Amino acid sequence: MKKQLLTAIFAWASFSGISAQDATATIHLGQGQQKINKEIYGQFSEHLGSCIYGGLWVGPESKIPNIDGYRKDVFNALKALKIPVMRWPGGCFADDYHWMDGIGPKKDRPSLRNNNWGGTIEDNSFGTHEFLNLCEMLGCEPYISGNVGSGTVKEMAQWVEYMTSDGDTPMARLRRQNGRDKAWKVKYFGIGNEAWGCGGNMTPEYYSNEYRKFNTYLRDQPGNRLYRIASGASDYDYNWTEVLMKNIGFQMNGVSLHYYTCSGWNGPKGSATNFNTDQYYWALGKCLEIEEVIKKHKAIMDEKDPEGRIGLLVDEWGTWWDEEPGTIPGHLFQQNALRDAFVASLSLNVFHKYTDRVKMANIAQVVNVLQSMILTDQEGTGHMVLTPTYHVFEMYTPFQEAIYLPVDLETEIIPVSKAYFKEKENAADAGYRPCPLLSASAAKTQDGSIVFALTNVSLDKEQTVSVSIDDFKAKTVSGRILTSQKADDYNDFEHPNRVQPKDFKDAKITKDGKLSVKMPAKSVVVLTIK
C-alpha cells in the first residue's frame, strides 16, 4: 500500500517544506520476464522549424563542421546516445511530402511551401538518401512515415521499392542512377500519420479501409520485411483503437499512439522556463496520466490480440510549451528545463512497465523542436547545447534491451489539480491526478548487474529510500545524478553545462546487503548495483 494522506493534509504538507517520511523500494529480481525494447528510446525528426535544416543537416558546403553535410557536433552527440530508431519525415509534414521531390541532383529538386509549420520554403535538399544514410551512419533503424493524406497508393508502393529493392526493377534502377547501388534496410513503415487530424481528418472506419488498400501494395522485397504501422489514436480516443483492431487486425504489426504533456490546443500553453509550483506539479501529473491511457488502449488490444502480436508504438510524446519569444512562429522552438527531464524519466519508467505491449516510443523531437535532445544556435554560429532531457536519455541507456524488474515503491503521493491556469483550479470539472513524489524503474542487464533509476520530483524534500532486492545481496553500487538548484534551470549557449550529470555518492550498502539512497529534491539518479 502506498503512503497516502488525506487530500487536505497533502495540499498543505507537500509545499510547506516539512520533511517527508522515508520511502521504501523492493526490486523483485525473480519476476523479470520482459525485455525493455531499445526502440522505446526512439527519436523523431520532422521537417519542422530547424530540426532538419540547421539541426541535423547543414550541407557539405557549410562553414559549420560537418560529416558529408550532417552537423558533426549533433551527429556525435546522437551517436553517444545509442539511438535505436528514428522517425521521418513527419508528423504532419509526412502527409504533404512527395518523396520524388527529394531525390536526384540537389539543383533539380523542386521547392515547396511547408503548409503545416510556419509556411517556410522547403528546398528538399534533405531527402530519402540523406535520411537513410544518416540512419546507417548512426547505426539506427529508420522509421518512414508514408503519405496517405495527399499521396497515392502507387507513390507509396514505389517509395518502398526504391528504398528496399535490389532487383532489376524500375525504382531500384532509379536509385542506382541517383548514386546508391545497394538497397537500404527499412524495417518500420507508417501507413499515414494522425489520420484523424492533419493526415486527412478521417473517421477510424474510413482510415481502416484506406490502410487496407495502401497496405496491399506495399510489397516486401527479398531481404527486407516491413513492420507495418497503422496511424493510431490521439490520447484518450479509445474508440479509434477499437475500430482499428476490429477492421485492420493482423494486417498491421503495430498501431501508434500520440500523447503530449500539453495544457490544450487552444490558447497559450505556458512557458518552458517560467512556471509556478502549481504548473510544475501539473506537468508531472499530466505526464504520468499516460500510464492510464496506455492501460486502456492495451486492454482493447489484449481482448482482440491476447498473444500480443500487435505492438503499441507511442511514436509522438513529450512536453509542448509555448515557442520561445523572438523565434519564428510555427517552428516550435522551446527551451528545455529540469522539469522536462523529469517528464522524460517518469514517462520512460511507465514505458518500461508495459514493454510487453509498448514496442517503441519516439520523443518529439530530436533537435530544436518541442522536447528536444539538442539545441543549436539559430544564427548559424555552430553552437550546440545538450538539454536536460538528453542527459536523462543518456543516463538511461543501460535499460535498453535489459530485463524489466518489477519494483514495489512506497512513497508519498500528492493530488495535483488537472487545471493548468490558476483561475481554472476551482472549475467543477478540473479534478485531481495523483503524483507520487518518487518514481522508480529497475532492470537486469546482460552482465547480471541491476540498473535502478530513481526520480525525486519534490521541489523541497530530500528523500531517503531504503532499497531491498529479492535474493540479491549488493556488493558494489555506483551511479550518477542529474539535478540543479531550481526546477526551471536549463542549458543555453552562454551556460551549456548548468544542468548536467555528476557522480552520485549518496547510495550506501548496509550491513544486510540492502541500499540506502539519499535523494536530493529535484533529482534523477541512475545506479548500477552489482
Protein backbone atom coordinates (compact mmCIF):
# COMPACT_ATOMS: atom_id res chain seq x y z
CA MET A 1 0.00 0.00 0.00
CA LYS A 2 1.43 3.35 -0.98
CA LYS A 3 1.59 6.04 1.67
CA GLN A 4 -1.28 8.43 1.11
CA LEU A 5 -2.58 11.12 3.41
CA LEU A 6 -5.86 12.98 3.29
CA THR A 7 -6.17 15.41 0.39
CA ALA A 8 -6.45 18.43 2.67
CA ILE A 9 -3.28 17.49 4.51
CA PHE A 10 -1.41 16.76 1.27
CA ALA A 11 -2.28 20.10 -0.23
CA TRP A 12 -0.58 21.76 2.74
CA ALA A 13 2.21 19.32 3.51
CA SER A 14 3.62 18.87 0.03
CA PHE A 15 4.52 22.54 -0.38
CA SER A 16 5.31 23.50 3.21
CA GLY A 17 8.89 22.32 3.49
CA ILE A 18 8.20 19.79 6.28
CA SER A 19 10.39 16.71 5.99
CA ALA A 20 8.94 13.71 4.22
CA GLN A 21 8.69 10.18 5.55
CA ASP A 22 11.39 7.80 4.38
CA ALA A 23 10.43 5.75 1.33
CA THR A 24 10.99 2.06 0.63
CA ALA A 25 11.55 0.17 -2.60
CA THR A 26 11.67 -3.57 -3.24
CA ILE A 27 13.10 -4.89 -6.51
CA HIS A 28 11.77 -8.32 -7.49
CA LEU A 29 14.72 -9.94 -9.21
CA GLY A 30 12.99 -13.28 -9.73
CA GLN A 31 9.99 -11.79 -11.52
CA GLY A 32 11.86 -10.39 -14.51
CA GLN A 33 10.42 -11.67 -17.78
CA GLN A 34 10.00 -8.96 -20.38
CA LYS A 35 12.82 -7.27 -22.27
CA ILE A 36 12.80 -3.47 -22.35
CA ASN A 37 12.73 -2.81 -26.07
CA LYS A 38 15.54 -0.47 -27.04
CA GLU A 39 13.14 1.15 -29.52
CA ILE A 40 11.42 2.79 -26.52
CA TYR A 41 14.36 5.22 -26.72
CA GLY A 42 13.47 6.20 -30.29
CA GLN A 43 13.70 9.68 -31.77
CA PHE A 44 11.51 11.72 -34.11
CA SER A 45 12.81 14.08 -36.82
CA GLU A 46 10.33 16.15 -38.82
CA HIS A 47 10.71 18.85 -41.45
CA LEU A 48 9.63 21.39 -38.86
CA GLY A 49 11.49 24.57 -37.90
CA SER A 50 15.20 23.87 -37.65
CA CYS A 51 15.01 20.20 -36.75
CA ILE A 52 16.40 19.13 -40.14
CA TYR A 53 17.99 22.27 -41.59
CA GLY A 54 20.43 23.76 -39.10
CA GLY A 55 19.82 20.86 -36.73
CA LEU A 56 20.69 17.52 -38.32
CA TRP A 57 21.77 18.93 -41.70
CA VAL A 58 23.82 21.95 -42.75
CA GLY A 59 25.03 20.68 -46.12
CA PRO A 60 28.57 19.76 -47.17
CA GLU A 61 29.38 23.36 -48.18
CA SER A 62 28.62 24.79 -44.72
CA LYS A 63 31.28 26.50 -42.63
CA ILE A 64 29.85 24.64 -39.63
CA PRO A 65 31.93 21.44 -39.17
CA ASN A 66 30.03 18.57 -40.80
CA ILE A 67 30.31 14.98 -41.95
CA ASP A 68 29.01 14.82 -45.52
CA GLY A 69 26.55 17.59 -44.68
CA TYR A 70 25.47 16.30 -41.25
CA ARG A 71 26.38 18.62 -38.37
CA LYS A 72 29.40 16.98 -36.74
CA ASP A 73 28.62 18.02 -33.15
CA VAL A 74 24.99 16.91 -33.41
CA PHE A 75 25.97 13.65 -35.10
CA ASN A 76 28.50 12.82 -32.38
CA ALA A 77 26.01 13.64 -29.62
CA LEU A 78 23.38 11.38 -31.18
CA LYS A 79 25.91 8.61 -31.70
CA ALA A 80 26.72 8.73 -27.98
CA LEU A 81 23.02 8.39 -27.20
CA LYS A 82 22.84 4.95 -28.90
CA ILE A 83 19.71 5.91 -30.81
CA PRO A 84 17.87 2.70 -31.79
CA VAL A 85 15.34 4.14 -34.28
CA MET A 86 14.46 7.50 -35.85
CA ARG A 87 11.13 8.51 -37.39
CA TRP A 88 10.94 10.74 -40.51
CA PRO A 89 9.75 12.90 -42.38
CA GLY A 90 6.82 13.65 -40.03
CA GLY A 91 4.46 14.24 -38.34
CA CYS A 92 2.01 16.37 -40.20
CA PHE A 93 4.67 17.11 -42.82
CA ALA A 94 4.59 13.45 -43.92
CA ASP A 95 1.14 13.73 -45.48
CA ASP A 96 2.25 16.71 -47.57
CA TYR A 97 5.53 15.03 -48.57
CA HIS A 98 6.10 13.57 -52.02
CA TRP A 99 9.29 11.59 -51.88
CA MET A 100 10.35 12.01 -55.51
CA ASP A 101 10.83 15.73 -54.82
CA GLY A 102 13.71 14.78 -52.51
CA ILE A 103 15.87 12.58 -54.76
CA GLY A 104 18.32 13.27 -57.57
CA PRO A 105 20.68 16.24 -58.01
CA LYS A 106 20.03 18.97 -55.44
CA LYS A 107 19.79 21.66 -58.11
CA ASP A 108 16.91 19.82 -59.77
CA ARG A 109 14.82 19.23 -56.65
CA PRO A 110 11.66 21.38 -56.54
CA SER A 111 10.84 23.57 -53.56
CA LEU A 112 7.55 23.58 -51.70
CA ARG A 113 5.82 25.58 -49.01
CA ASN A 114 5.64 23.89 -45.61
CA ASN A 115 1.93 24.43 -45.04
CA ASN A 116 1.89 22.85 -41.62
CA TRP A 117 4.78 24.62 -39.93
CA GLY A 118 5.13 28.35 -40.49
CA GLY A 119 4.82 28.44 -44.28
CA THR A 120 8.59 28.33 -44.75
CA ILE A 121 10.09 27.15 -48.03
CA GLU A 122 11.35 23.57 -48.09
CA ASP A 123 14.10 23.09 -50.68
CA ASN A 124 14.13 19.26 -50.42
CA SER A 125 17.92 19.14 -50.10
CA PHE A 126 17.39 16.60 -47.31
CA GLY A 127 15.51 13.63 -48.72
CA THR A 128 15.41 9.85 -48.77
CA HIS A 129 19.14 9.31 -49.40
CA GLU A 130 20.17 11.85 -46.78
CA PHE A 131 17.90 10.36 -44.11
CA LEU A 132 18.64 6.69 -44.73
CA ASN A 133 22.38 7.31 -45.00
CA LEU A 134 22.24 9.15 -41.65
CA CYS A 135 20.50 6.18 -40.05
CA GLU A 136 23.17 3.85 -41.39
CA MET A 137 25.92 6.08 -40.00
CA LEU A 138 24.20 6.29 -36.60
CA GLY A 139 23.53 2.56 -36.56
CA CYS A 140 19.79 3.02 -36.02
CA GLU A 141 16.66 1.68 -37.70
CA PRO A 142 14.82 4.12 -39.97
CA TYR A 143 11.09 4.56 -39.41
CA ILE A 144 9.43 6.02 -42.52
CA SER A 145 6.04 7.75 -42.33
CA GLY A 146 4.23 7.32 -45.64
CA ASN A 147 1.86 9.84 -47.23
CA VAL A 148 -1.73 8.62 -47.11
CA GLY A 149 -3.37 12.03 -46.75
CA SER A 150 -2.33 13.60 -50.07
CA GLY A 151 -0.42 10.75 -51.69
CA THR A 152 -1.35 7.78 -53.82
CA VAL A 153 -1.03 4.04 -53.46
CA LYS A 154 1.34 3.95 -56.44
CA GLU A 155 3.56 6.68 -54.97
CA MET A 156 3.92 4.86 -51.65
CA ALA A 157 4.49 1.47 -53.27
CA GLN A 158 7.22 2.92 -55.49
CA TRP A 159 8.91 4.51 -52.46
CA VAL A 160 9.14 1.13 -50.73
CA GLU A 161 10.55 -0.39 -53.92
CA TYR A 162 13.05 2.49 -54.34
CA MET A 163 14.39 2.03 -50.81
CA THR A 164 14.37 -1.76 -50.44
CA SER A 165 14.58 -3.49 -53.84
CA ASP A 166 17.90 -4.95 -55.00
CA GLY A 167 16.37 -6.41 -58.13
CA ASP A 168 16.28 -5.15 -61.69
CA THR A 169 13.15 -3.09 -61.05
CA PRO A 170 12.31 0.43 -62.26
CA MET A 171 12.67 2.07 -58.83
CA ALA A 172 15.87 0.15 -57.99
CA ARG A 173 17.36 1.33 -61.27
CA LEU A 174 16.35 4.92 -60.44
CA ARG A 175 18.01 4.62 -57.04
CA ARG A 176 21.22 3.37 -58.64
CA GLN A 177 21.07 6.23 -61.09
CA ASN A 178 20.96 8.56 -58.06
CA GLY A 179 24.11 7.08 -56.58
CA ARG A 180 23.02 4.27 -54.27
CA ASP A 181 23.67 0.78 -55.60
CA LYS A 182 22.65 -1.43 -52.68
CA ALA A 183 19.17 -1.23 -51.19
CA TRP A 184 18.75 0.07 -47.66
CA LYS A 185 17.24 -1.95 -44.84
CA VAL A 186 13.93 -0.31 -43.88
CA LYS A 187 12.02 -2.16 -41.18
CA TYR A 188 9.46 0.31 -39.82
CA PHE A 189 6.90 1.85 -42.15
CA GLY A 190 3.98 4.00 -41.03
CA ILE A 191 0.92 3.99 -43.29
CA GLY A 192 -0.16 7.57 -42.66
CA ASN A 193 0.13 9.87 -39.65
CA GLU A 194 -2.62 11.34 -37.47
CA ALA A 195 -5.26 10.26 -39.95
CA TRP A 196 -7.86 11.67 -37.52
CA GLY A 197 -6.38 15.17 -37.98
CA CYS A 198 -3.69 16.67 -40.23
CA GLY A 199 -3.35 13.34 -42.03
CA GLY A 200 -6.79 13.57 -43.64
CA ASN A 201 -9.44 14.26 -40.97
CA MET A 202 -10.71 10.72 -41.40
CA THR A 203 -13.03 8.58 -39.29
CA PRO A 204 -11.47 5.36 -37.98
CA GLU A 205 -13.74 3.35 -40.27
CA TYR A 206 -12.65 5.28 -43.36
CA TYR A 207 -8.99 5.17 -42.39
CA SER A 208 -9.20 1.41 -41.83
CA ASN A 209 -10.30 0.95 -45.43
CA GLU A 210 -7.56 3.28 -46.68
CA TYR A 211 -4.97 1.38 -44.65
CA ARG A 212 -6.07 -1.96 -46.08
CA LYS A 213 -5.87 -0.59 -49.63
CA PHE A 214 -2.44 1.04 -49.25
CA ASN A 215 -1.05 -1.92 -47.35
CA THR A 216 -1.99 -4.34 -50.12
CA TYR A 217 0.56 -2.76 -52.47
CA LEU A 218 3.46 -2.32 -50.03
CA ARG A 219 5.30 -5.45 -51.04
CA ASP A 220 8.16 -6.94 -49.05
CA GLN A 221 11.34 -7.21 -51.08
CA PRO A 222 13.82 -10.11 -50.79
CA GLY A 223 15.85 -9.50 -47.65
CA ASN A 224 13.56 -6.77 -46.33
CA ARG A 225 10.32 -7.31 -44.43
CA LEU A 226 8.25 -4.29 -43.40
CA TYR A 227 6.90 -3.81 -39.89
CA ARG A 228 3.63 -2.11 -40.85
CA ILE A 229 2.33 0.60 -38.51
CA ALA A 230 -1.21 1.97 -38.57
CA SER A 231 -1.96 5.60 -37.71
CA GLY A 232 -3.40 5.20 -34.24
CA ALA A 233 -5.21 7.25 -31.65
CA SER A 234 -4.62 10.60 -30.03
CA ASP A 235 -4.56 10.43 -26.24
CA TYR A 236 -7.97 9.33 -24.96
CA ASP A 237 -9.63 8.22 -28.21
CA TYR A 238 -10.18 4.59 -27.28
CA ASN A 239 -12.81 4.11 -29.98
CA TRP A 240 -10.12 4.68 -32.63
CA THR A 241 -8.10 1.76 -31.29
CA GLU A 242 -11.22 -0.38 -31.00
CA VAL A 243 -12.16 0.20 -34.65
CA LEU A 244 -8.62 -0.39 -35.98
CA MET A 245 -8.22 -3.62 -34.02
CA LYS A 246 -11.55 -4.83 -35.42
CA ASN A 247 -11.22 -3.63 -39.03
CA ILE A 248 -7.47 -3.95 -39.67
CA GLY A 249 -6.41 -6.57 -37.16
CA PHE A 250 -3.33 -8.57 -38.08
CA GLN A 251 -2.78 -6.71 -41.32
CA MET A 252 -0.83 -4.33 -39.07
CA ASN A 253 2.20 -5.16 -36.95
CA GLY A 254 1.80 -2.08 -34.79
CA VAL A 255 -0.52 0.81 -34.07
CA SER A 256 0.64 4.26 -32.99
CA LEU A 257 -0.43 6.41 -30.05
CA HIS A 258 0.26 10.14 -29.58
CA TYR A 259 0.33 11.71 -26.12
CA TYR A 260 1.69 15.15 -25.24
CA THR A 261 2.13 16.80 -21.87
CA CYS A 262 0.25 19.87 -23.03
CA SER A 263 -2.39 22.12 -21.47
CA GLY A 264 -4.52 22.09 -24.62
CA TRP A 265 -4.54 23.12 -28.28
CA ASN A 266 -6.30 26.47 -27.98
CA GLY A 267 -4.66 29.45 -26.34
CA PRO A 268 -1.31 29.70 -24.54
CA LYS A 269 0.36 26.51 -23.31
CA GLY A 270 2.68 28.17 -20.81
CA SER A 271 6.39 28.83 -20.76
CA ALA A 272 9.01 26.10 -20.75
CA THR A 273 11.07 28.01 -18.19
CA ASN A 274 8.77 30.44 -16.40
CA PHE A 275 6.27 28.45 -14.33
CA ASN A 276 4.97 28.36 -10.78
CA THR A 277 4.70 25.50 -8.31
CA ASP A 278 1.19 24.53 -9.39
CA GLN A 279 2.18 24.41 -13.05
CA TYR A 280 5.29 22.37 -12.20
CA TYR A 281 3.33 19.63 -10.45
CA TRP A 282 0.57 19.84 -13.06
CA ALA A 283 3.06 18.86 -15.78
CA LEU A 284 4.24 15.83 -13.81
CA GLY A 285 0.70 14.71 -13.07
CA LYS A 286 -0.26 15.12 -16.71
CA CYS A 287 2.73 13.16 -17.99
CA LEU A 288 2.04 10.33 -15.53
CA GLU A 289 -1.52 10.05 -16.83
CA ILE A 290 -0.04 8.35 -19.87
CA GLU A 291 0.02 5.17 -17.79
CA GLU A 292 -3.77 5.12 -17.51
CA VAL A 293 -4.05 5.91 -21.23
CA ILE A 294 -1.70 3.04 -22.15
CA LYS A 295 -3.57 0.65 -19.86
CA LYS A 296 -6.91 1.42 -21.55
CA HIS A 297 -5.56 1.11 -25.11
CA LYS A 298 -3.72 -2.03 -24.05
CA ALA A 299 -6.89 -3.58 -22.63
CA ILE A 300 -8.63 -3.11 -26.00
CA MET A 301 -5.67 -4.66 -27.79
CA ASP A 302 -5.41 -7.53 -25.28
CA GLU A 303 -9.02 -8.50 -25.94
CA LYS A 304 -8.52 -8.68 -29.72
CA ASP A 305 -4.91 -9.86 -29.61
CA PRO A 306 -4.29 -11.84 -26.39
CA GLU A 307 -0.95 -13.13 -27.67
CA GLY A 308 0.43 -9.60 -28.01
CA ARG A 309 1.41 -9.84 -31.67
CA ILE A 310 0.46 -6.21 -32.45
CA GLY A 311 2.69 -3.60 -30.86
CA LEU A 312 1.63 -0.26 -29.36
CA LEU A 313 4.01 2.48 -30.54
CA VAL A 314 3.97 5.81 -28.68
CA ASP A 315 5.62 7.46 -31.65
CA GLU A 316 4.97 11.03 -30.50
CA TRP A 317 5.25 12.07 -26.86
CA GLY A 318 6.78 14.77 -24.68
CA THR A 319 6.13 18.31 -23.49
CA TRP A 320 4.60 21.01 -25.67
CA TRP A 321 5.07 24.55 -24.37
CA ASP A 322 4.83 27.99 -25.97
CA GLU A 323 7.51 28.86 -28.51
CA GLU A 324 10.41 30.86 -27.16
CA PRO A 325 9.88 34.64 -27.52
CA GLY A 326 11.57 36.03 -30.61
CA THR A 327 11.63 32.74 -32.52
CA ILE A 328 9.77 32.06 -35.77
CA PRO A 329 6.06 31.30 -35.26
CA GLY A 330 5.20 27.75 -36.24
CA HIS A 331 8.75 26.44 -35.71
CA LEU A 332 8.01 25.14 -32.18
CA PHE A 333 11.42 26.05 -30.76
CA GLN A 334 11.18 25.73 -26.98
CA GLN A 335 13.69 25.63 -24.16
CA ASN A 336 14.14 22.51 -22.09
CA ALA A 337 14.31 22.78 -18.29
CA LEU A 338 14.92 20.35 -15.47
CA ARG A 339 11.12 19.94 -15.32
CA ASP A 340 11.25 18.45 -18.84
CA ALA A 341 13.93 16.00 -17.70
CA PHE A 342 11.52 14.74 -15.03
CA VAL A 343 8.78 14.32 -17.63
CA ALA A 344 11.24 12.21 -19.63
CA SER A 345 12.28 10.00 -16.71
CA LEU A 346 8.72 9.47 -15.45
CA SER A 347 7.48 8.63 -18.94
CA LEU A 348 10.31 6.18 -19.63
CA ASN A 349 9.59 4.46 -16.32
CA VAL A 350 5.99 3.93 -17.46
CA PHE A 351 7.06 2.60 -20.88
CA HIS A 352 9.36 0.07 -19.17
CA LYS A 353 6.42 -1.22 -17.15
CA TYR A 354 4.33 -2.02 -20.25
CA THR A 355 7.06 -3.28 -22.53
CA ASP A 356 5.01 -6.41 -23.25
CA ARG A 357 2.82 -4.20 -25.46
CA VAL A 358 4.76 -0.93 -25.88
CA LYS A 359 7.31 -1.82 -28.55
CA MET A 360 8.52 1.67 -29.47
CA ALA A 361 8.35 5.29 -28.32
CA ASN A 362 9.63 8.37 -30.19
CA ILE A 363 10.06 11.58 -28.24
CA ALA A 364 9.16 14.76 -30.13
CA GLN A 365 11.64 15.87 -31.38
CA VAL A 366 15.34 15.21 -31.75
CA VAL A 367 16.73 18.73 -32.43
CA ASN A 368 15.34 22.27 -31.91
CA VAL A 369 11.65 21.29 -31.75
CA LEU A 370 9.48 20.72 -28.65
CA GLN A 371 11.17 18.48 -26.04
CA SER A 372 14.39 18.06 -27.94
CA MET A 373 17.64 16.32 -27.13
CA ILE A 374 19.77 19.11 -28.63
CA LEU A 375 19.50 22.83 -29.31
CA THR A 376 21.60 24.52 -32.00
CA ASP A 377 22.24 28.22 -32.44
CA GLN A 378 19.72 29.78 -34.82
CA GLU A 379 22.23 32.38 -36.02
CA GLY A 380 24.38 29.74 -37.71
CA THR A 381 27.42 30.18 -35.45
CA GLY A 382 27.79 26.45 -34.90
CA HIS A 383 26.98 26.44 -31.17
CA MET A 384 25.18 23.45 -29.67
CA VAL A 385 23.88 22.51 -26.22
CA LEU A 386 22.65 19.25 -24.78
CA THR A 387 19.34 19.58 -22.95
CA PRO A 388 18.43 18.08 -19.56
CA THR A 389 16.23 15.61 -21.47
CA TYR A 390 19.28 14.47 -23.46
CA HIS A 391 21.07 13.72 -20.21
CA VAL A 392 18.17 11.57 -18.95
CA PHE A 393 18.22 9.55 -22.17
CA GLU A 394 21.99 9.13 -21.90
CA MET A 395 21.81 8.08 -18.23
CA TYR A 396 19.06 5.57 -19.08
CA THR A 397 20.95 3.82 -21.92
CA PRO A 398 21.70 0.72 -19.74
CA PHE A 399 17.95 -0.02 -19.73
CA GLN A 400 17.98 -0.74 -23.47
CA GLU A 401 17.41 -4.49 -24.01
CA ALA A 402 17.70 -5.20 -20.26
CA ILE A 403 15.11 -7.38 -18.47
CA TYR A 404 12.44 -5.34 -16.72
CA LEU A 405 12.21 -5.98 -12.96
CA PRO A 406 9.03 -5.05 -11.06
CA VAL A 407 9.50 -2.57 -8.22
CA ASP A 408 7.24 -2.03 -5.23
CA LEU A 409 7.65 1.58 -4.16
CA GLU A 410 6.13 3.19 -1.09
CA THR A 411 6.18 6.95 -1.38
CA GLU A 412 4.15 9.99 -0.54
CA ILE A 413 1.51 10.90 -3.12
CA ILE A 414 0.16 14.39 -3.65
CA PRO A 415 -3.05 15.27 -5.50
CA VAL A 416 -2.38 17.58 -8.44
CA SER A 417 -5.11 19.71 -9.97
CA LYS A 418 -5.90 18.86 -13.58
CA ALA A 419 -6.34 22.59 -14.27
CA TYR A 420 -3.28 24.36 -15.67
CA PHE A 421 -4.08 28.03 -15.11
CA LYS A 422 -4.73 29.40 -11.65
CA GLU A 423 -8.14 30.83 -12.48
CA LYS A 424 -9.33 27.36 -13.58
CA GLU A 425 -8.33 25.49 -10.45
CA ASN A 426 -11.76 25.69 -8.87
CA ALA A 427 -13.57 24.56 -12.01
CA ALA A 428 -16.05 21.81 -11.25
CA ASP A 429 -14.60 19.53 -13.92
CA ALA A 430 -10.96 20.08 -13.03
CA GLY A 431 -10.46 17.11 -10.72
CA TYR A 432 -7.12 15.82 -9.46
CA ARG A 433 -4.39 13.47 -10.59
CA PRO A 434 -2.15 11.54 -8.18
CA CYS A 435 1.53 12.50 -8.34
CA PRO A 436 3.97 10.30 -6.39
CA LEU A 437 6.99 12.22 -5.13
CA LEU A 438 9.21 9.30 -6.13
CA SER A 439 9.29 7.22 -9.31
CA ALA A 440 11.46 4.16 -9.91
CA SER A 441 12.40 1.58 -12.52
CA ALA A 442 14.75 -1.40 -12.40
CA ALA A 443 16.20 -3.89 -14.87
CA LYS A 444 18.75 -6.69 -15.08
CA THR A 445 21.47 -6.16 -17.68
CA GLN A 446 23.24 -8.86 -19.68
CA ASP A 447 26.23 -8.92 -17.31
CA GLY A 448 23.96 -9.63 -14.32
CA SER A 449 24.08 -6.12 -12.90
CA ILE A 450 20.96 -4.29 -11.80
CA VAL A 451 20.30 -0.81 -13.15
CA PHE A 452 18.00 1.19 -10.89
CA ALA A 453 16.58 4.63 -11.65
CA LEU A 454 15.03 6.88 -9.01
CA THR A 455 13.43 10.28 -9.56
CA ASN A 456 12.53 12.62 -6.72
CA VAL A 457 10.23 15.30 -8.13
CA SER A 458 9.68 17.11 -4.83
CA LEU A 459 10.69 20.74 -5.05
CA ASP A 460 11.88 20.91 -1.46
CA LYS A 461 12.14 17.48 0.17
CA GLU A 462 15.13 15.20 0.35
CA GLN A 463 14.04 11.56 0.31
CA THR A 464 15.91 8.71 1.95
CA VAL A 465 15.00 5.47 0.19
CA SER A 466 15.63 2.02 1.65
CA VAL A 467 16.08 -0.40 -1.26
CA SER A 468 15.94 -4.19 -0.95
CA ILE A 469 16.42 -6.71 -3.75
CA ASP A 470 14.88 -10.19 -3.56
CA ASP A 471 17.52 -12.95 -3.33
CA PHE A 472 20.34 -10.50 -4.00
CA LYS A 473 22.95 -9.01 -1.69
CA ALA A 474 24.55 -5.88 -3.09
CA LYS A 475 28.35 -5.73 -3.05
CA THR A 476 29.04 -2.56 -5.03
CA VAL A 477 26.98 0.43 -6.13
CA SER A 478 27.83 3.36 -8.36
CA GLY A 479 25.78 5.98 -10.09
CA ARG A 480 25.17 9.45 -11.43
CA ILE A 481 22.75 12.22 -10.59
CA LEU A 482 21.03 14.93 -12.62
CA THR A 483 19.85 17.90 -10.56
CA SER A 484 20.06 21.66 -10.30
CA GLN A 485 19.21 24.46 -7.89
CA LYS A 486 15.84 25.19 -9.49
CA ALA A 487 13.31 23.17 -11.48
CA ASP A 488 13.30 25.85 -14.19
CA ASP A 489 17.07 25.73 -14.73
CA TYR A 490 18.10 24.99 -18.32
CA ASN A 491 21.15 24.95 -20.58
CA ASP A 492 21.73 27.70 -23.13
CA PHE A 493 24.61 28.85 -25.31
CA GLU A 494 26.02 31.04 -22.55
CA HIS A 495 25.60 28.34 -19.87
CA PRO A 496 25.72 24.99 -21.71
CA ASN A 497 26.52 22.92 -18.60
CA ARG A 498 24.21 24.39 -15.98
CA VAL A 499 22.26 21.10 -15.84
CA GLN A 500 24.42 18.04 -16.39
CA PRO A 501 25.05 14.64 -14.75
CA LYS A 502 27.56 14.24 -11.95
CA ASP A 503 28.86 11.30 -9.93
CA PHE A 504 26.48 10.28 -7.16
CA LYS A 505 28.00 9.32 -3.80
CA ASP A 506 24.92 9.06 -1.55
CA ALA A 507 24.00 5.43 -2.20
CA LYS A 508 25.36 3.20 0.56
CA ILE A 509 25.28 -0.56 1.07
CA THR A 510 24.00 -1.53 4.51
CA LYS A 511 25.26 -4.50 6.54
CA ASP A 512 22.43 -6.72 5.33
CA GLY A 513 23.16 -6.03 1.65
CA LYS A 514 20.40 -3.50 1.13
CA LEU A 515 20.82 0.05 -0.13
CA SER A 516 20.20 3.38 1.48
CA VAL A 517 19.82 6.12 -1.11
CA LYS A 518 19.67 9.77 -0.12
CA MET A 519 17.80 11.53 -2.91
CA PRO A 520 18.07 15.33 -3.04
CA ALA A 521 14.97 17.27 -4.02
CA LYS A 522 14.56 17.74 -7.80
CA SER A 523 16.85 14.90 -8.87
CA VAL A 524 17.20 11.88 -11.14
CA VAL A 525 19.63 9.17 -10.03
CA VAL A 526 20.63 6.06 -12.01
CA LEU A 527 22.53 3.38 -10.10
CA THR A 528 24.43 0.27 -11.18
CA ILE A 529 24.26 -2.42 -8.50
CA LYS A 530 26.47 -5.50 -8.50
